Amino acid sequence: MTGHAFQEESSGYTAAVLNAYLQLPETPSKASCNDRQTAASLHARGVPLFVVESALLLASVRRLGRSPDMPPLSPIRSLAYFLPVIQEVFDTPISEDYLRYLRMKLRSFSGRNKVVAK
């Protein structure tokens, strides 16, 4: 793969990661330079887009599904927040059925803020 082709592929991957990240509840409305670097780093490490998207959904559902008796969490300020869950999903992939469940669950939680794609 030429450098130009890799750069184009990386740009598309980075855009897809940032788009998925920014659509989540409790995330910023705009990506930072650090978010772009984190997304590019995930591409360079060869982390599949499916894994990243799955981890974003999983972490968001976990946050939003917390007991209301627990103290509120601060808003997510960086894509790096999701790195441990991305590693978790990379090590133990989730099924397509569970991913559909997570999407449905997130939609039920997030009627408040942002729209969840797919």
N, C-alpha and C. Protein backbone atom coordinates (compact mmCIF):
# COMPACT_ATOMS: atom_id res chain seq x y z
N MET A 1 0.85 -1.17 0.00
CA MET A 1 0.00 0.00 0.00
C MET A 1 0.89 1.23 0.00
N THR A 2 0.58 2.14 -0.85
CA THR A 2 1.38 3.36 -0.93
C THR A 2 1.07 4.25 0.27
N GLY A 3 1.95 5.20 0.51
CA GLY A 3 1.74 6.14 1.61
C GLY A 3 0.46 6.93 1.44
N HIS A 4 0.17 7.31 0.18
CA HIS A 4 -1.04 8.09 -0.09
C HIS A 4 -2.29 7.25 0.19
N ALA A 5 -2.30 5.99 -0.25
CA ALA A 5 -3.45 5.11 -0.03
C ALA A 5 -3.65 4.86 1.45
N PHE A 6 -2.56 4.67 2.20
CA PHE A 6 -2.66 4.46 3.65
C PHE A 6 -3.23 5.70 4.32
N GLN A 7 -2.79 6.87 3.87
CA GLN A 7 -3.26 8.12 4.46
C GLN A 7 -4.76 8.30 4.21
N GLU A 8 -5.22 7.98 3.00
CA GLU A 8 -6.65 8.08 2.69
C GLU A 8 -7.44 7.10 3.54
N GLU A 9 -6.95 5.87 3.66
CA GLU A 9 -7.63 4.86 4.47
C GLU A 9 -7.66 5.31 5.93
N SER A 10 -6.56 5.86 6.41
CA SER A 10 -6.48 6.33 7.79
C SER A 10 -7.45 7.48 8.03
N SER A 11 -7.57 8.38 7.06
CA SER A 11 -8.50 9.51 7.19
C SER A 11 -9.94 9.03 7.29
N GLY A 12 -10.30 8.06 6.48
CA GLY A 12 -11.65 7.50 6.52
C GLY A 12 -11.94 6.81 7.84
N TYR A 13 -10.97 6.05 8.33
CA TYR A 13 -11.09 5.35 9.60
C TYR A 13 -11.23 6.37 10.73
N THR A 14 -10.36 7.35 10.74
CA THR A 14 -10.39 8.39 11.78
C THR A 14 -11.72 9.11 11.78
N ALA A 15 -12.21 9.46 10.62
CA ALA A 15 -13.51 10.15 10.52
C ALA A 15 -14.63 9.26 11.05
N ALA A 16 -14.60 7.97 10.73
CA ALA A 16 -15.65 7.06 11.20
C ALA A 16 -15.62 6.92 12.72
N VAL A 17 -14.42 6.81 13.29
CA VAL A 17 -14.29 6.70 14.75
C VAL A 17 -14.81 7.98 15.42
N LEU A 18 -14.36 9.11 14.92
CA LEU A 18 -14.78 10.38 15.53
C LEU A 18 -16.28 10.61 15.38
N ASN A 19 -16.84 10.23 14.26
CA ASN A 19 -18.28 10.37 14.05
C ASN A 19 -19.04 9.51 15.08
N ALA A 20 -18.63 8.26 15.25
CA ALA A 20 -19.29 7.38 16.21
C ALA A 20 -19.16 7.93 17.63
N TYR A 21 -17.99 8.43 17.95
CA TYR A 21 -17.71 9.00 19.28
C TYR A 21 -18.58 10.23 19.55
N LEU A 22 -18.65 11.13 18.60
CA LEU A 22 -19.36 12.39 18.80
C LEU A 22 -20.89 12.22 18.82
N GLN A 23 -21.38 11.12 18.30
CA GLN A 23 -22.83 10.87 18.32
C GLN A 23 -23.31 10.34 19.67
N LEU A 24 -22.40 9.92 20.51
CA LEU A 24 -22.78 9.35 21.80
C LEU A 24 -23.25 10.41 22.78
N PRO A 25 -24.17 10.02 23.68
CA PRO A 25 -24.52 10.95 24.76
C PRO A 25 -23.30 11.19 25.64
N GLU A 26 -23.24 12.31 26.25
CA GLU A 26 -22.20 12.66 27.22
C GLU A 26 -20.81 12.84 26.61
N THR A 27 -20.75 13.03 25.31
CA THR A 27 -19.46 13.32 24.67
C THR A 27 -19.50 14.74 24.13
N PRO A 28 -18.33 15.30 23.83
CA PRO A 28 -18.30 16.67 23.30
C PRO A 28 -19.01 16.77 21.95
N SER A 29 -19.32 17.97 21.56
CA SER A 29 -19.95 18.17 20.25
C SER A 29 -18.91 18.29 19.14
N LYS A 30 -17.65 18.43 19.52
CA LYS A 30 -16.57 18.60 18.55
C LYS A 30 -15.35 17.82 19.01
N ALA A 31 -14.66 17.17 18.08
CA ALA A 31 -13.46 16.40 18.39
C ALA A 31 -12.27 17.32 18.61
N SER A 32 -11.41 16.94 19.53
CA SER A 32 -10.19 17.70 19.78
C SER A 32 -9.04 17.11 18.96
N CYS A 33 -7.92 17.81 18.97
CA CYS A 33 -6.71 17.28 18.31
C CYS A 33 -6.31 15.96 18.94
N ASN A 34 -6.43 15.86 20.26
CA ASN A 34 -6.08 14.60 20.95
C ASN A 34 -7.01 13.47 20.52
N ASP A 35 -8.28 13.78 20.30
CA ASP A 35 -9.22 12.76 19.83
C ASP A 35 -8.80 12.26 18.45
N ARG A 36 -8.42 13.18 17.57
CA ARG A 36 -7.97 12.78 16.23
C ARG A 36 -6.71 11.92 16.31
N GLN A 37 -5.80 12.29 17.20
CA GLN A 37 -4.57 11.50 17.37
C GLN A 37 -4.87 10.11 17.93
N THR A 38 -5.81 10.04 18.87
CA THR A 38 -6.19 8.74 19.43
C THR A 38 -6.81 7.86 18.35
N ALA A 39 -7.69 8.41 17.53
CA ALA A 39 -8.31 7.64 16.45
C ALA A 39 -7.26 7.18 15.45
N ALA A 40 -6.34 8.05 15.09
CA ALA A 40 -5.27 7.67 14.15
C ALA A 40 -4.38 6.59 14.75
N SER A 41 -4.14 6.66 16.04
CA SER A 41 -3.33 5.66 16.72
C SER A 41 -4.02 4.29 16.71
N LEU A 42 -5.34 4.29 16.88
CA LEU A 42 -6.08 3.03 16.81
C LEU A 42 -5.96 2.41 15.42
N HIS A 43 -6.02 3.25 14.40
CA HIS A 43 -5.85 2.75 13.03
C HIS A 43 -4.45 2.19 12.83
N ALA A 44 -3.46 2.91 13.31
CA ALA A 44 -2.07 2.46 13.16
C ALA A 44 -1.82 1.14 13.88
N ARG A 45 -2.52 0.93 14.97
CA ARG A 45 -2.38 -0.32 15.73
C ARG A 45 -3.17 -1.46 15.10
N GLY A 46 -4.00 -1.13 14.11
CA GLY A 46 -4.76 -2.17 13.42
C GLY A 46 -6.03 -2.59 14.15
N VAL A 47 -6.55 -1.73 15.00
CA VAL A 47 -7.78 -2.06 15.72
C VAL A 47 -8.95 -1.92 14.74
N PRO A 48 -9.69 -3.00 14.51
CA PRO A 48 -10.81 -2.93 13.56
C PRO A 48 -11.86 -1.90 13.98
N LEU A 49 -12.44 -1.25 13.02
CA LEU A 49 -13.47 -0.25 13.27
C LEU A 49 -14.65 -0.87 14.03
N PHE A 50 -14.99 -2.09 13.70
CA PHE A 50 -16.07 -2.80 14.39
C PHE A 50 -15.80 -2.89 15.90
N VAL A 51 -14.56 -3.14 16.27
CA VAL A 51 -14.18 -3.23 17.68
C VAL A 51 -14.36 -1.87 18.37
N VAL A 52 -13.91 -0.82 17.71
CA VAL A 52 -14.01 0.52 18.30
C VAL A 52 -15.47 0.90 18.48
N GLU A 53 -16.26 0.72 17.45
CA GLU A 53 -17.68 1.06 17.54
C GLU A 53 -18.39 0.25 18.62
N SER A 54 -18.06 -1.03 18.71
CA SER A 54 -18.66 -1.89 19.73
C SER A 54 -18.29 -1.41 21.13
N ALA A 55 -17.05 -1.04 21.32
CA ALA A 55 -16.58 -0.57 22.63
C ALA A 55 -17.24 0.75 23.02
N LEU A 56 -17.40 1.64 22.05
CA LEU A 56 -18.07 2.92 22.33
C LEU A 56 -19.50 2.68 22.82
N LEU A 57 -20.20 1.78 22.15
CA LEU A 57 -21.56 1.46 22.56
C LEU A 57 -21.59 0.81 23.94
N LEU A 58 -20.73 -0.17 24.16
CA LEU A 58 -20.69 -0.88 25.43
C LEU A 58 -20.41 0.06 26.59
N ALA A 59 -19.42 0.90 26.45
CA ALA A 59 -19.07 1.83 27.53
C ALA A 59 -20.19 2.82 27.78
N SER A 60 -20.82 3.30 26.74
CA SER A 60 -21.92 4.26 26.91
C SER A 60 -23.11 3.63 27.62
N VAL A 61 -23.46 2.42 27.23
CA VAL A 61 -24.58 1.73 27.88
C VAL A 61 -24.25 1.46 29.35
N ARG A 62 -23.03 1.10 29.63
CA ARG A 62 -22.62 0.89 31.03
C ARG A 62 -22.77 2.17 31.84
N ARG A 63 -22.33 3.28 31.28
CA ARG A 63 -22.42 4.57 31.99
C ARG A 63 -23.87 4.96 32.23
N LEU A 64 -24.66 4.90 31.17
CA LEU A 64 -26.04 5.36 31.24
C LEU A 64 -26.93 4.42 32.06
N GLY A 65 -26.52 3.17 32.18
CA GLY A 65 -27.30 2.18 32.90
C GLY A 65 -26.97 2.09 34.38
N ARG A 66 -26.10 2.95 34.85
CA ARG A 66 -25.74 2.94 36.27
C ARG A 66 -26.96 3.26 37.13
N SER A 67 -26.92 2.77 38.34
CA SER A 67 -27.99 3.04 39.29
C SER A 67 -28.12 4.55 39.52
N PRO A 68 -29.35 5.05 39.55
CA PRO A 68 -29.54 6.48 39.80
C PRO A 68 -29.12 6.88 41.22
N ASP A 69 -28.96 5.89 42.09
CA ASP A 69 -28.51 6.17 43.46
C ASP A 69 -27.03 6.51 43.53
N MET A 70 -26.30 6.16 42.50
CA MET A 70 -24.86 6.42 42.49
C MET A 70 -24.60 7.88 42.12
N PRO A 71 -23.48 8.43 42.58
CA PRO A 71 -23.15 9.81 42.20
C PRO A 71 -22.99 9.93 40.68
N PRO A 72 -23.40 11.06 40.13
CA PRO A 72 -23.28 11.23 38.67
C PRO A 72 -21.81 11.26 38.23
N LEU A 73 -21.59 10.76 37.04
CA LEU A 73 -20.25 10.80 36.44
C LEU A 73 -20.09 12.11 35.68
N SER A 74 -18.87 12.57 35.60
CA SER A 74 -18.62 13.78 34.81
C SER A 74 -18.72 13.43 33.32
N PRO A 75 -18.98 14.42 32.48
CA PRO A 75 -19.07 14.16 31.04
C PRO A 75 -17.75 13.60 30.49
N ILE A 76 -17.87 12.88 29.41
CA ILE A 76 -16.68 12.34 28.73
C ILE A 76 -16.05 13.47 27.96
N ARG A 77 -14.76 13.68 28.14
CA ARG A 77 -14.08 14.79 27.49
C ARG A 77 -13.09 14.35 26.41
N SER A 78 -12.88 13.04 26.30
CA SER A 78 -11.85 12.57 25.38
C SER A 78 -12.15 11.16 24.88
N LEU A 79 -11.80 10.90 23.64
CA LEU A 79 -11.91 9.56 23.09
C LEU A 79 -11.05 8.58 23.88
N ALA A 80 -9.98 9.07 24.48
CA ALA A 80 -9.09 8.22 25.27
C ALA A 80 -9.82 7.55 26.44
N TYR A 81 -10.90 8.13 26.89
CA TYR A 81 -11.72 7.54 27.96
C TYR A 81 -12.10 6.10 27.61
N PHE A 82 -12.31 5.84 26.33
CA PHE A 82 -12.80 4.54 25.87
C PHE A 82 -11.70 3.51 25.64
N LEU A 83 -10.44 3.89 25.73
CA LEU A 83 -9.35 2.97 25.40
C LEU A 83 -9.38 1.66 26.19
N PRO A 84 -9.64 1.67 27.50
CA PRO A 84 -9.69 0.37 28.20
C PRO A 84 -10.81 -0.54 27.69
N VAL A 85 -11.95 0.03 27.34
CA VAL A 85 -13.05 -0.79 26.83
C VAL A 85 -12.75 -1.26 25.41
N ILE A 86 -12.08 -0.45 24.64
CA ILE A 86 -11.66 -0.87 23.29
C ILE A 86 -10.74 -2.08 23.41
N GLN A 87 -9.81 -2.04 24.36
CA GLN A 87 -8.92 -3.19 24.58
C GLN A 87 -9.72 -4.41 25.04
N GLU A 88 -10.68 -4.19 25.92
CA GLU A 88 -11.53 -5.29 26.40
C GLU A 88 -12.26 -5.97 25.25
N VAL A 89 -12.86 -5.18 24.36
CA VAL A 89 -13.61 -5.73 23.24
C VAL A 89 -12.65 -6.35 22.21
N PHE A 90 -11.47 -5.78 22.07
CA PHE A 90 -10.48 -6.36 21.17
C PHE A 90 -10.08 -7.76 21.65
N ASP A 91 -9.90 -7.89 22.97
CA ASP A 91 -9.50 -9.18 23.56
C ASP A 91 -10.64 -10.19 23.58
N THR A 92 -11.86 -9.70 23.79
CA THR A 92 -13.04 -10.56 23.87
C THR A 92 -14.15 -9.94 23.03
N PRO A 93 -14.16 -10.23 21.73
CA PRO A 93 -15.16 -9.61 20.84
C PRO A 93 -16.59 -9.93 21.27
N ILE A 94 -17.49 -9.00 20.96
CA ILE A 94 -18.90 -9.22 21.27
C ILE A 94 -19.63 -9.64 20.00
N SER A 95 -20.71 -10.37 20.19
CA SER A 95 -21.45 -10.90 19.04
C SER A 95 -22.27 -9.81 18.37
N GLU A 96 -22.66 -10.07 17.17
CA GLU A 96 -23.51 -9.14 16.41
C GLU A 96 -24.86 -8.98 17.11
N ASP A 97 -25.38 -10.06 17.69
CA ASP A 97 -26.65 -9.97 18.42
C ASP A 97 -26.53 -9.05 19.63
N TYR A 98 -25.43 -9.17 20.36
CA TYR A 98 -25.24 -8.31 21.53
C TYR A 98 -25.04 -6.85 21.09
N LEU A 99 -24.38 -6.66 19.99
CA LEU A 99 -24.19 -5.32 19.45
C LEU A 99 -25.55 -4.69 19.11
N ARG A 100 -26.44 -5.47 18.51
CA ARG A 100 -27.79 -4.96 18.22
C ARG A 100 -28.51 -4.58 19.52
N TYR A 101 -28.35 -5.42 20.54
CA TYR A 101 -28.95 -5.13 21.84
C TYR A 101 -28.40 -3.81 22.40
N LEU A 102 -27.09 -3.63 22.32
CA LEU A 102 -26.48 -2.39 22.83
C LEU A 102 -27.01 -1.17 22.09
N ARG A 103 -27.16 -1.27 20.78
CA ARG A 103 -27.70 -0.15 20.01
C ARG A 103 -29.12 0.19 20.47
N MET A 104 -29.94 -0.85 20.66
CA MET A 104 -31.31 -0.64 21.11
C MET A 104 -31.32 -0.01 22.52
N LYS A 105 -30.48 -0.52 23.38
CA LYS A 105 -30.42 -0.03 24.75
C LYS A 105 -29.97 1.43 24.77
N LEU A 106 -28.97 1.75 23.99
CA LEU A 106 -28.47 3.13 23.95
C LEU A 106 -29.54 4.08 23.42
N ARG A 107 -30.29 3.63 22.42
CA ARG A 107 -31.39 4.46 21.91
C ARG A 107 -32.40 4.75 23.01
N SER A 108 -32.68 3.75 23.84
CA SER A 108 -33.66 3.96 24.90
C SER A 108 -33.14 4.94 25.95
N PHE A 109 -31.83 4.97 26.17
CA PHE A 109 -31.23 5.90 27.13
C PHE A 109 -31.07 7.29 26.53
N SER A 110 -30.77 7.35 25.24
CA SER A 110 -30.28 8.60 24.67
C SER A 110 -31.33 9.42 23.94
N GLY A 111 -32.57 9.17 24.16
CA GLY A 111 -33.59 10.01 23.57
C GLY A 111 -33.45 11.44 24.03
N ARG A 112 -32.59 11.64 25.04
CA ARG A 112 -32.38 12.95 25.64
C ARG A 112 -31.47 13.85 24.82
N ASN A 113 -30.35 13.32 24.32
CA ASN A 113 -29.32 14.19 23.74
C ASN A 113 -29.12 14.00 22.26
N LYS A 114 -28.30 13.04 21.92
CA LYS A 114 -27.85 12.87 20.54
C LYS A 114 -28.48 11.63 19.93
N VAL A 115 -28.49 11.56 18.63
CA VAL A 115 -29.03 10.42 17.91
C VAL A 115 -27.93 9.38 17.75
N VAL A 116 -28.28 8.12 17.91
CA VAL A 116 -27.33 7.02 17.75
C VAL A 116 -27.51 6.44 16.37
N ALA A 117 -26.43 6.39 15.60
CA ALA A 117 -26.49 5.89 14.23
C ALA A 117 -26.75 4.40 14.20
N LYS A 118 -27.29 3.96 13.09
CA LYS A 118 -27.53 2.57 12.75
C LYS A 118 -28.62 2.02 13.52
